[in-house]
């Protein structure tokens, strides 16, 4: 897993490394987030998804390990007066606050960290809330459109289903898509997309 220094350098050199638009997957599936619900955005970088969600009326807590990315996000949110709290933290050690949705777009971690991050997200999620995940699958290793080169940091729908036991899987698919997200996510890509809802009690 690349450390904060790698990401600081990338965002300092390319403040819009992954484009300015939100994930197309998020745009399509955001209707599943409870109206006005609080969203936690994991490994959110400079905030392309957080800003879009906040413009739609969601208070957002966005966390990233990169100090450069967090500064960029804070400035962007302040410029529009948007309800975004940008947090610099090690996601493996950070506990998310209670929320109505968790968004993780290309948030890749080693297995032990991934399990801890996803468990913390599920525990923070209120009943009826949703987790939305978009990530690269092992098939992405044959592509040059971005993503980790460590197979252990790539996800499948079966792996993600196991991270959220008892979830209602409203979306769970692996597919080939065309990415057009800045310099580092461009071209055909192999992704997994999951929307997992936390059941209401009773």
C-alpha atoms as a PDB file:
ATOM      1  CA  UNK A   1       0.000   0.000   0.000  1.00  0.00           C
ATOM      2  CA  UNK A   2       1.387   3.414  -0.943  1.00  0.00           C
ATOM      3  CA  UNK A   3       2.000   5.666   2.036  1.00  0.00           C
ATOM      4  CA  UNK A   4       0.913   9.283   2.595  1.00  0.00           C
ATOM      5  CA  UNK A   5       4.139  10.585   1.046  1.00  0.00           C
ATOM      6  CA  UNK A   6       3.316   8.994  -2.303  1.00  0.00           C
ATOM      7  CA  UNK A   7      -0.140  10.543  -2.307  1.00  0.00           C
ATOM      8  CA  UNK A   8       1.129  13.939  -1.139  1.00  0.00           C
ATOM      9  CA  UNK A   9       3.495  14.006  -4.109  1.00  0.00           C
ATOM     10  CA  UNK A  10       0.820  12.887  -6.549  1.00  0.00           C
ATOM     11  CA  UNK A  11      -1.752  15.463  -5.426  1.00  0.00           C
ATOM     12  CA  UNK A  12       0.821  18.249  -5.205  1.00  0.00           C
ATOM     13  CA  UNK A  13       1.875  17.565  -8.797  1.00  0.00           C
ATOM     14  CA  UNK A  14      -1.649  16.798 -10.077  1.00  0.00           C
ATOM     15  CA  UNK A  15      -4.367  18.503  -7.984  1.00  0.00           C
ATOM     16  CA  UNK A  16      -7.019  16.960 -10.262  1.00  0.00           C
ATOM     17  CA  UNK A  17      -5.304  13.591 -10.665  1.00  0.00           C
ATOM     18  CA  UNK A  18      -8.622  11.732 -11.006  1.00  0.00           C
ATOM     19  CA  UNK A  19     -10.634  14.469 -12.666  1.00  0.00           C
ATOM     20  CA  UNK A  20     -13.154  16.890 -11.231  1.00  0.00           C
ATOM     21  CA  UNK A  21     -16.309  14.862 -11.803  1.00  0.00           C
ATOM     22  CA  UNK A  22     -17.648  12.314  -9.321  1.00  0.00           C
ATOM     23  CA  UNK A  23     -17.566   8.592  -9.974  1.00  0.00           C
ATOM     24  CA  UNK A  24     -20.148   7.642 -12.588  1.00  0.00           C
ATOM     25  CA  UNK A  25     -21.103   4.699 -10.376  1.00  0.00           C
ATOM     26  CA  UNK A  26     -21.754   7.036  -7.444  1.00  0.00           C
ATOM     27  CA  UNK A  27     -23.827   9.393  -9.590  1.00  0.00           C
ATOM     28  CA  UNK A  28     -25.997   6.482 -10.739  1.00  0.00           C
ATOM     29  CA  UNK A  29     -26.456   4.908  -7.309  1.00  0.00           C
ATOM     30  CA  UNK A  30     -26.573   7.935  -4.977  1.00  0.00           C
ATOM     31  CA  UNK A  31     -30.378   7.802  -5.038  1.00  0.00           C
ATOM     32  CA  UNK A  32     -30.049   4.858  -2.652  1.00  0.00           C
ATOM     33  CA  UNK A  33     -28.548   7.075   0.073  1.00  0.00           C
ATOM     34  CA  UNK A  34     -31.160   8.250   2.608  1.00  0.00           C
ATOM     35  CA  UNK A  35     -32.226  11.817   1.774  1.00  0.00           C
ATOM     36  CA  UNK A  36     -30.085  14.335   3.621  1.00  0.00           C
ATOM     37  CA  UNK A  37     -28.180  11.499   5.282  1.00  0.00           C
ATOM     38  CA  UNK A  38     -24.659  11.896   6.609  1.00  0.00           C
ATOM     39  CA  UNK A  39     -22.047  10.310   4.347  1.00  0.00           C
ATOM     40  CA  UNK A  40     -18.578   9.070   5.243  1.00  0.00           C
ATOM     41  CA  UNK A  41     -16.240   9.069   2.234  1.00  0.00           C
ATOM     42  CA  UNK A  42     -13.176   6.830   2.635  1.00  0.00           C
ATOM     43  CA  UNK A  43      -9.811   7.533   0.968  1.00  0.00           C
ATOM     44  CA  UNK A  44     -11.549  10.487  -0.619  1.00  0.00           C
ATOM     45  CA  UNK A  45      -8.478  12.348  -1.849  1.00  0.00           C
ATOM     46  CA  UNK A  46      -9.206  15.921  -2.873  1.00  0.00           C
ATOM     47  CA  UNK A  47     -12.939  15.359  -2.734  1.00  0.00           C
ATOM     48  CA  UNK A  48     -14.465  14.950  -6.171  1.00  0.00           C
ATOM     49  CA  UNK A  49     -17.161  12.683  -4.702  1.00  0.00           C
ATOM     50  CA  UNK A  50     -17.530  14.491  -1.369  1.00  0.00           C
ATOM     51  CA  UNK A  51     -18.089  17.856  -3.047  1.00  0.00           C
ATOM     52  CA  UNK A  52     -20.745  16.386  -5.342  1.00  0.00           C
ATOM     53  CA  UNK A  53     -22.546  14.728  -2.434  1.00  0.00           C
ATOM     54  CA  UNK A  54     -22.458  17.905  -0.352  1.00  0.00           C
ATOM     55  CA  UNK A  55     -23.947  19.883  -3.234  1.00  0.00           C
ATOM     56  CA  UNK A  56     -26.837  17.414  -3.124  1.00  0.00           C
ATOM     57  CA  UNK A  57     -27.522  18.230   0.532  1.00  0.00           C
ATOM     58  CA  UNK A  58     -25.518  15.502   2.285  1.00  0.00           C
ATOM     59  CA  UNK A  59     -23.227  16.440   5.159  1.00  0.00           C
ATOM     60  CA  UNK A  60     -19.997  14.611   4.408  1.00  0.00           C
ATOM     61  CA  UNK A  61     -17.087  13.421   6.522  1.00  0.00           C
ATOM     62  CA  UNK A  62     -14.242  12.801   4.076  1.00  0.00           C
ATOM     63  CA  UNK A  63     -11.062  11.101   5.267  1.00  0.00           C
ATOM     64  CA  UNK A  64      -7.737  10.632   3.528  1.00  0.00           C
ATOM     65  CA  UNK A  65      -4.145   9.965   4.567  1.00  0.00           C
ATOM     66  CA  UNK A  66      -2.741  12.742   2.368  1.00  0.00           C
ATOM     67  CA  UNK A  67      -2.320  16.171   3.975  1.00  0.00           C
ATOM     68  CA  UNK A  68      -2.138  17.741   0.507  1.00  0.00           C
ATOM     69  CA  UNK A  69      -5.426  16.182  -0.581  1.00  0.00           C
ATOM     70  CA  UNK A  70      -7.168  17.207   2.627  1.00  0.00           C
ATOM     71  CA  UNK A  71      -6.016  20.820   2.201  1.00  0.00           C
ATOM     72  CA  UNK A  72      -7.342  20.836  -1.364  1.00  0.00           C
ATOM     73  CA  UNK A  73     -10.676  19.437  -0.209  1.00  0.00           C
ATOM     74  CA  UNK A  74     -11.040  21.911   2.642  1.00  0.00           C
ATOM     75  CA  UNK A  75     -10.375  24.806   0.289  1.00  0.00           C
ATOM     76  CA  UNK A  76     -12.869  23.547  -2.284  1.00  0.00           C
ATOM     77  CA  UNK A  77     -15.589  22.999   0.310  1.00  0.00           C
ATOM     78  CA  UNK A  78     -14.991  26.376   1.959  1.00  0.00           C
ATOM     79  CA  UNK A  79     -15.176  28.151  -1.408  1.00  0.00           C
ATOM     80  CA  UNK A  80     -18.747  26.912  -1.833  1.00  0.00           C
ATOM     81  CA  UNK A  81     -19.753  26.870   1.827  1.00  0.00           C
ATOM     82  CA  UNK A  82     -20.418  23.141   1.649  1.00  0.00           C
ATOM     83  CA  UNK A  83     -20.971  20.866   4.678  1.00  0.00           C
ATOM     84  CA  UNK A  84     -17.789  18.811   4.312  1.00  0.00           C
ATOM     85  CA  UNK A  85     -15.555  17.862   7.215  1.00  0.00           C
ATOM     86  CA  UNK A  86     -12.181  16.837   5.782  1.00  0.00           C
ATOM     87  CA  UNK A  87     -10.084  14.621   8.058  1.00  0.00           C
ATOM     88  CA  UNK A  88      -6.461  13.588   7.625  1.00  0.00           C
ATOM     89  CA  UNK A  89      -6.026  10.158   9.199  1.00  0.00           C
ATOM     90  CA  UNK A  90      -4.676   6.653   8.828  1.00  0.00           C
ATOM     91  CA  UNK A  91      -7.829   4.840   7.772  1.00  0.00           C
ATOM     92  CA  UNK A  92      -6.661   1.633   9.376  1.00  0.00           C
ATOM     93  CA  UNK A  93      -6.731   3.339  12.781  1.00  0.00           C
ATOM     94  CA  UNK A  94      -9.590   5.816  12.258  1.00  0.00           C
ATOM     95  CA  UNK A  95     -13.103   5.206  13.595  1.00  0.00           C
ATOM     96  CA  UNK A  96     -15.874   6.704  11.459  1.00  0.00           C
ATOM     97  CA  UNK A  97     -18.749   8.553  13.136  1.00  0.00           C
ATOM     98  CA  UNK A  98     -22.357   7.321  12.933  1.00  0.00           C
ATOM     99  CA  UNK A  99     -23.581   7.799   9.381  1.00  0.00           C
ATOM    100  CA  UNK A 100     -26.239   6.931   6.827  1.00  0.00           C
ATOM    101  CA  UNK A 101     -23.900   5.997   3.989  1.00  0.00           C
ATOM    102  CA  UNK A 102     -20.289   5.034   3.402  1.00  0.00           C
ATOM    103  CA  UNK A 103     -18.725   5.711   0.016  1.00  0.00           C
ATOM    104  CA  UNK A 104     -15.442   4.049  -0.948  1.00  0.00           C
ATOM    105  CA  UNK A 105     -14.398   4.744  -4.530  1.00  0.00           C
ATOM    106  CA  UNK A 106     -11.141   3.005  -5.456  1.00  0.00           C
ATOM    107  CA  UNK A 107     -10.162   2.794  -1.776  1.00  0.00           C
ATOM    108  CA  UNK A 108      -7.741  -0.134  -1.850  1.00  0.00           C
ATOM    109  CA  UNK A 109      -6.067  -1.607   1.229  1.00  0.00           C
ATOM    110  CA  UNK A 110      -4.066  -4.718   2.164  1.00  0.00           C
ATOM    111  CA  UNK A 111      -6.337  -7.515   3.398  1.00  0.00           C
ATOM    112  CA  UNK A 112      -6.013  -6.959   7.157  1.00  0.00           C
ATOM    113  CA  UNK A 113      -6.501  -3.197   6.809  1.00  0.00           C
ATOM    114  CA  UNK A 114      -9.384  -3.639   4.380  1.00  0.00           C
ATOM    115  CA  UNK A 115     -11.216  -5.951   6.778  1.00  0.00           C
ATOM    116  CA  UNK A 116     -10.717  -3.494   9.648  1.00  0.00           C
ATOM    117  CA  UNK A 117     -11.817  -0.469   7.608  1.00  0.00           C
ATOM    118  CA  UNK A 118     -14.911  -2.210   6.271  1.00  0.00           C
ATOM    119  CA  UNK A 119     -15.854  -3.563   9.699  1.00  0.00           C
ATOM    120  CA  UNK A 120     -15.583  -0.076  11.191  1.00  0.00           C
ATOM    121  CA  UNK A 121     -17.686   1.364   8.376  1.00  0.00           C
ATOM    122  CA  UNK A 122     -20.396  -1.267   8.836  1.00  0.00           C
ATOM    123  CA  UNK A 123     -20.497  -0.676  12.585  1.00  0.00           C
ATOM    124  CA  UNK A 124     -20.810   3.095  12.084  1.00  0.00           C
ATOM    125  CA  UNK A 125     -23.615   2.720   9.540  1.00  0.00           C
ATOM    126  CA  UNK A 126     -27.119   3.286  10.851  1.00  0.00           C
ATOM    127  CA  UNK A 127     -29.802   0.694  10.059  1.00  0.00           C
ATOM    128  CA  UNK A 128     -31.243   1.381   6.623  1.00  0.00           C
ATOM    129  CA  UNK A 129     -28.020   2.993   5.466  1.00  0.00           C
ATOM    130  CA  UNK A 130     -25.868   1.873   2.549  1.00  0.00           C
ATOM    131  CA  UNK A 131     -22.257   1.174   1.687  1.00  0.00           C
ATOM    132  CA  UNK A 132     -21.294   2.011  -1.902  1.00  0.00           C
ATOM    133  CA  UNK A 133     -18.007   0.542  -3.119  1.00  0.00           C
ATOM    134  CA  UNK A 134     -16.308   0.791  -6.479  1.00  0.00           C
ATOM    135  CA  UNK A 135     -12.918  -0.911  -6.791  1.00  0.00           C
ATOM    136  CA  UNK A 136     -10.651  -2.746  -9.179  1.00  0.00           C
ATOM    137  CA  UNK A 137     -10.766  -6.534  -9.502  1.00  0.00           C
ATOM    138  CA  UNK A 138      -7.800  -8.895 -10.063  1.00  0.00           C
ATOM    139  CA  UNK A 139      -8.541  -8.769 -13.799  1.00  0.00           C
ATOM    140  CA  UNK A 140      -7.338  -5.153 -13.713  1.00  0.00           C
ATOM    141  CA  UNK A 141      -3.759  -6.429 -13.528  1.00  0.00           C
ATOM    142  CA  UNK A 142      -3.971  -6.968 -17.281  1.00  0.00           C
ATOM    143  CA  UNK A 143      -4.993  -3.338 -17.828  1.00  0.00           C
ATOM    144  CA  UNK A 144      -2.998  -0.101 -17.717  1.00  0.00           C
ATOM    145  CA  UNK A 145      -5.866   2.170 -16.631  1.00  0.00           C
ATOM    146  CA  UNK A 146      -4.915   2.473 -12.969  1.00  0.00           C
ATOM    147  CA  UNK A 147      -5.138   0.604  -9.699  1.00  0.00           C
ATOM    148  CA  UNK A 148      -2.771  -1.289  -7.391  1.00  0.00           C
ATOM    149  CA  UNK A 149      -0.385  -3.853  -8.827  1.00  0.00           C
ATOM    150  CA  UNK A 150      -0.559  -6.012  -5.700  1.00  0.00           C
ATOM    151  CA  UNK A 151      -3.192  -8.733  -6.268  1.00  0.00           C
ATOM    152  CA  UNK A 152      -3.943  -8.814  -2.529  1.00  0.00           C
ATOM    153  CA  UNK A 153      -5.261  -5.245  -2.770  1.00  0.00           C
ATOM    154  CA  UNK A 154      -7.794  -6.001  -5.506  1.00  0.00           C
ATOM    155  CA  UNK A 155     -11.377  -6.950  -4.702  1.00  0.00           C
ATOM    156  CA  UNK A 156     -14.117  -9.269  -5.909  1.00  0.00           C
ATOM    157  CA  UNK A 157     -17.831  -9.231  -5.244  1.00  0.00           C
ATOM    158  CA  UNK A 158     -17.519 -12.403  -3.158  1.00  0.00           C
ATOM    159  CA  UNK A 159     -14.805 -10.836  -1.011  1.00  0.00           C
ATOM    160  CA  UNK A 160     -16.858  -7.685  -0.450  1.00  0.00           C
ATOM    161  CA  UNK A 161     -19.989  -9.671   0.381  1.00  0.00           C
ATOM    162  CA  UNK A 162     -17.968 -11.417   3.082  1.00  0.00           C
ATOM    163  CA  UNK A 163     -16.895  -8.069   4.544  1.00  0.00           C
ATOM    164  CA  UNK A 164     -20.515  -7.059   5.166  1.00  0.00           C
ATOM    165  CA  UNK A 165     -22.287 -10.104   6.617  1.00  0.00           C
ATOM    166  CA  UNK A 166     -26.042  -9.801   6.752  1.00  0.00           C
ATOM    167  CA  UNK A 167     -26.108  -6.980   4.216  1.00  0.00           C
ATOM    168  CA  UNK A 168     -28.831  -6.678   1.620  1.00  0.00           C
ATOM    169  CA  UNK A 169     -26.885  -6.575  -1.641  1.00  0.00           C
ATOM    170  CA  UNK A 170     -28.788  -4.194  -3.904  1.00  0.00           C
ATOM    171  CA  UNK A 171     -25.924  -4.092  -6.416  1.00  0.00           C
ATOM    172  CA  UNK A 172     -23.123  -6.663  -6.719  1.00  0.00           C
ATOM    173  CA  UNK A 173     -21.366  -7.054 -10.038  1.00  0.00           C
ATOM    174  CA  UNK A 174     -17.997  -7.241 -11.717  1.00  0.00           C
ATOM    175  CA  UNK A 175     -17.764  -5.609 -15.108  1.00  0.00           C
ATOM    176  CA  UNK A 176     -15.586  -4.005 -17.741  1.00  0.00           C
ATOM    177  CA  UNK A 177     -16.075  -0.234 -17.910  1.00  0.00           C
ATOM    178  CA  UNK A 178     -14.527   2.720 -19.691  1.00  0.00           C
ATOM    179  CA  UNK A 179     -12.956   5.118 -17.203  1.00  0.00           C
ATOM    180  CA  UNK A 180     -12.342   8.780 -18.008  1.00  0.00           C
ATOM    181  CA  UNK A 181     -11.189  10.126 -14.665  1.00  0.00           C
ATOM    182  CA  UNK A 182      -8.204  12.417 -15.036  1.00  0.00           C
ATOM    183  CA  UNK A 183      -4.664  11.260 -15.767  1.00  0.00           C
ATOM    184  CA  UNK A 184      -4.596   8.067 -13.743  1.00  0.00           C
ATOM    185  CA  UNK A 185      -7.938   6.366 -14.402  1.00  0.00           C
ATOM    186  CA  UNK A 186      -8.381   6.328 -18.140  1.00  0.00           C
ATOM    187  CA  UNK A 187      -9.344   3.536 -20.511  1.00  0.00           C
ATOM    188  CA  UNK A 188     -10.957   0.129 -20.187  1.00  0.00           C
ATOM    189  CA  UNK A 189     -10.963  -1.121 -16.609  1.00  0.00           C
ATOM    190  CA  UNK A 190     -12.110  -4.158 -14.631  1.00  0.00           C
ATOM    191  CA  UNK A 191     -14.161  -3.107 -11.630  1.00  0.00           C
ATOM    192  CA  UNK A 192     -16.426  -4.438  -8.922  1.00  0.00           C
ATOM    193  CA  UNK A 193     -19.409  -2.334  -7.847  1.00  0.00           C
ATOM    194  CA  UNK A 194     -21.369  -3.069  -4.698  1.00  0.00           C
ATOM    195  CA  UNK A 195     -24.228  -1.396  -2.858  1.00  0.00           C
ATOM    196  CA  UNK A 196     -24.877  -3.083   0.498  1.00  0.00           C
ATOM    197  CA  UNK A 197     -27.740  -1.957   2.721  1.00  0.00           C
ATOM    198  CA  UNK A 198     -27.781  -2.476   6.475  1.00  0.00           C
ATOM    199  CA  UNK A 199     -31.054  -4.104   7.466  1.00  0.00           C
ATOM    200  CA  UNK A 200     -33.525  -2.431   9.775  1.00  0.00           C
ATOM    201  CA  UNK A 201     -33.971  -4.268  13.074  1.00  0.00           C
ATOM    202  CA  UNK A 202     -36.953  -6.564  13.512  1.00  0.00           C
END
